[in-house]
């Protein structure tokens, strides 16, 4: 099971995790245990706001950047919809010409 997350130069160095990265990891993970762990982690790190933040401190999720970050909220919603089997199917890939 993977245990990694992304952060950026504009967030505190080496301390902060991006919820959006955890949500994307959940969307791409194939292991049910990993997906469940990621959901639990995201639900435990909203610092009582009920919203996803841009980033949170790895040891103290009540220390976060951006109290509200719509992109992270949207990706969390996509992840939850996917877990519930309610996410829409991906668009079909167009066939390539054989010419």
C-alpha atoms as a PDB file:
ATOM      1  CA  UNK A   1       0.000   0.000   0.000  1.00  0.00           C
ATOM      2  CA  UNK A   2       1.334   3.435  -0.964  1.00  0.00           C
ATOM      3  CA  UNK A   3       1.822   6.048   1.749  1.00  0.00           C
ATOM      4  CA  UNK A   4       2.804   9.226  -0.025  1.00  0.00           C
ATOM      5  CA  UNK A   5       1.375  12.615  -0.835  1.00  0.00           C
ATOM      6  CA  UNK A   6       2.283  15.735  -2.764  1.00  0.00           C
ATOM      7  CA  UNK A   7       2.954  19.258  -1.597  1.00  0.00           C
ATOM      8  CA  UNK A   8       4.235  22.451  -3.208  1.00  0.00           C
ATOM      9  CA  UNK A   9       6.774  25.209  -2.807  1.00  0.00           C
ATOM     10  CA  UNK A  10       4.084  27.656  -1.637  1.00  0.00           C
ATOM     11  CA  UNK A  11       3.135  25.433   1.317  1.00  0.00           C
ATOM     12  CA  UNK A  12       5.395  24.960   4.370  1.00  0.00           C
ATOM     13  CA  UNK A  13       8.376  22.822   3.309  1.00  0.00           C
ATOM     14  CA  UNK A  14       8.291  19.136   4.193  1.00  0.00           C
ATOM     15  CA  UNK A  15       5.351  19.437   6.570  1.00  0.00           C
ATOM     16  CA  UNK A  16       2.183  19.812   4.550  1.00  0.00           C
ATOM     17  CA  UNK A  17       0.113  17.334   2.563  1.00  0.00           C
ATOM     18  CA  UNK A  18      -2.351  18.178  -0.188  1.00  0.00           C
ATOM     19  CA  UNK A  19      -5.832  16.676   0.284  1.00  0.00           C
ATOM     20  CA  UNK A  20      -6.336  16.961  -3.473  1.00  0.00           C
ATOM     21  CA  UNK A  21      -3.408  14.574  -3.993  1.00  0.00           C
ATOM     22  CA  UNK A  22      -4.896  12.095  -1.513  1.00  0.00           C
ATOM     23  CA  UNK A  23      -8.236  12.250  -3.348  1.00  0.00           C
ATOM     24  CA  UNK A  24      -6.576  11.634  -6.710  1.00  0.00           C
ATOM     25  CA  UNK A  25      -4.600   8.775  -5.176  1.00  0.00           C
ATOM     26  CA  UNK A  26      -7.928   7.341  -4.007  1.00  0.00           C
ATOM     27  CA  UNK A  27      -9.435   7.707  -7.468  1.00  0.00           C
ATOM     28  CA  UNK A  28      -6.534   5.861  -9.068  1.00  0.00           C
ATOM     29  CA  UNK A  29      -5.942   3.212  -6.392  1.00  0.00           C
ATOM     30  CA  UNK A  30      -7.126  -0.301  -7.133  1.00  0.00           C
ATOM     31  CA  UNK A  31      -6.803  -1.684  -3.591  1.00  0.00           C
ATOM     32  CA  UNK A  32      -9.978  -1.355  -1.490  1.00  0.00           C
ATOM     33  CA  UNK A  33      -8.008  -1.143   1.765  1.00  0.00           C
ATOM     34  CA  UNK A  34      -5.910   1.731   0.424  1.00  0.00           C
ATOM     35  CA  UNK A  35      -9.007   3.569  -0.778  1.00  0.00           C
ATOM     36  CA  UNK A  36     -10.675   3.114   2.613  1.00  0.00           C
ATOM     37  CA  UNK A  37      -7.576   4.389   4.412  1.00  0.00           C
ATOM     38  CA  UNK A  38      -7.453   7.467   2.179  1.00  0.00           C
ATOM     39  CA  UNK A  39     -11.126   8.220   2.834  1.00  0.00           C
ATOM     40  CA  UNK A  40     -10.548   7.930   6.581  1.00  0.00           C
ATOM     41  CA  UNK A  41      -7.496  10.171   6.356  1.00  0.00           C
ATOM     42  CA  UNK A  42      -9.351  12.833   4.384  1.00  0.00           C
ATOM     43  CA  UNK A  43     -12.308  12.743   6.783  1.00  0.00           C
ATOM     44  CA  UNK A  44      -9.951  13.090   9.754  1.00  0.00           C
ATOM     45  CA  UNK A  45      -8.040  16.079   8.416  1.00  0.00           C
ATOM     46  CA  UNK A  46     -10.663  18.750   7.711  1.00  0.00           C
ATOM     47  CA  UNK A  47      -9.944  20.367  11.110  1.00  0.00           C
ATOM     48  CA  UNK A  48     -13.619  20.523  12.061  1.00  0.00           C
ATOM     49  CA  UNK A  49     -14.566  22.669   9.081  1.00  0.00           C
ATOM     50  CA  UNK A  50     -16.140  19.913   6.980  1.00  0.00           C
ATOM     51  CA  UNK A  51     -14.144  21.249   4.026  1.00  0.00           C
ATOM     52  CA  UNK A  52     -10.931  20.232   2.325  1.00  0.00           C
ATOM     53  CA  UNK A  53      -8.034  22.650   2.566  1.00  0.00           C
ATOM     54  CA  UNK A  54      -5.193  23.404   0.181  1.00  0.00           C
ATOM     55  CA  UNK A  55      -2.833  21.570   2.549  1.00  0.00           C
ATOM     56  CA  UNK A  56      -2.561  20.452   6.159  1.00  0.00           C
ATOM     57  CA  UNK A  57       0.348  19.826   8.504  1.00  0.00           C
ATOM     58  CA  UNK A  58       1.248  16.141   8.547  1.00  0.00           C
ATOM     59  CA  UNK A  59       1.272  16.052  12.370  1.00  0.00           C
ATOM     60  CA  UNK A  60      -1.451  18.618  13.110  1.00  0.00           C
ATOM     61  CA  UNK A  61      -4.336  18.872  10.624  1.00  0.00           C
ATOM     62  CA  UNK A  62      -5.694  21.897  12.504  1.00  0.00           C
ATOM     63  CA  UNK A  63      -2.760  23.788  10.968  1.00  0.00           C
ATOM     64  CA  UNK A  64      -3.680  24.233   7.333  1.00  0.00           C
ATOM     65  CA  UNK A  65      -3.444  26.572   4.359  1.00  0.00           C
ATOM     66  CA  UNK A  66      -6.539  28.042   2.696  1.00  0.00           C
ATOM     67  CA  UNK A  67      -9.561  27.454   4.912  1.00  0.00           C
ATOM     68  CA  UNK A  68     -11.605  26.612   1.819  1.00  0.00           C
ATOM     69  CA  UNK A  69     -10.247  25.245  -1.459  1.00  0.00           C
ATOM     70  CA  UNK A  70     -12.896  24.356  -4.048  1.00  0.00           C
ATOM     71  CA  UNK A  71     -10.591  22.237  -6.213  1.00  0.00           C
ATOM     72  CA  UNK A  72      -9.752  19.959  -3.272  1.00  0.00           C
ATOM     73  CA  UNK A  73     -13.432  19.850  -2.262  1.00  0.00           C
ATOM     74  CA  UNK A  74     -14.399  18.847  -5.818  1.00  0.00           C
ATOM     75  CA  UNK A  75     -11.801  16.079  -5.983  1.00  0.00           C
ATOM     76  CA  UNK A  76     -12.915  14.785  -2.585  1.00  0.00           C
ATOM     77  CA  UNK A  77     -16.498  14.683  -3.893  1.00  0.00           C
ATOM     78  CA  UNK A  78     -15.373  12.796  -7.013  1.00  0.00           C
ATOM     79  CA  UNK A  79     -13.569  10.287  -4.806  1.00  0.00           C
ATOM     80  CA  UNK A  80     -16.613   9.759  -2.562  1.00  0.00           C
ATOM     81  CA  UNK A  81     -18.926   9.439  -5.577  1.00  0.00           C
ATOM     82  CA  UNK A  82     -16.532   6.896  -7.065  1.00  0.00           C
ATOM     83  CA  UNK A  83     -16.485   4.884  -3.835  1.00  0.00           C
ATOM     84  CA  UNK A  84     -20.295   4.928  -3.777  1.00  0.00           C
ATOM     85  CA  UNK A  85     -20.462   3.801  -7.413  1.00  0.00           C
ATOM     86  CA  UNK A  86     -22.209   7.019  -8.432  1.00  0.00           C
ATOM     87  CA  UNK A  87     -19.517   8.643 -10.532  1.00  0.00           C
ATOM     88  CA  UNK A  88     -20.336   8.960 -14.223  1.00  0.00           C
ATOM     89  CA  UNK A  89     -18.538   6.704 -16.648  1.00  0.00           C
ATOM     90  CA  UNK A  90     -15.535   8.180 -18.455  1.00  0.00           C
ATOM     91  CA  UNK A  91     -16.054   9.451 -21.975  1.00  0.00           C
ATOM     92  CA  UNK A  92     -15.290   6.863 -24.658  1.00  0.00           C
ATOM     93  CA  UNK A  93     -11.917   7.165 -26.347  1.00  0.00           C
ATOM     94  CA  UNK A  94     -12.333   7.900 -30.085  1.00  0.00           C
ATOM     95  CA  UNK A  95     -11.040   5.216 -32.409  1.00  0.00           C
ATOM     96  CA  UNK A  96      -7.869   6.041 -34.324  1.00  0.00           C
ATOM     97  CA  UNK A  97      -7.920   6.074 -38.073  1.00  0.00           C
ATOM     98  CA  UNK A  98      -6.077   3.204 -39.720  1.00  0.00           C
ATOM     99  CA  UNK A  99      -5.200   5.294 -42.770  1.00  0.00           C
END
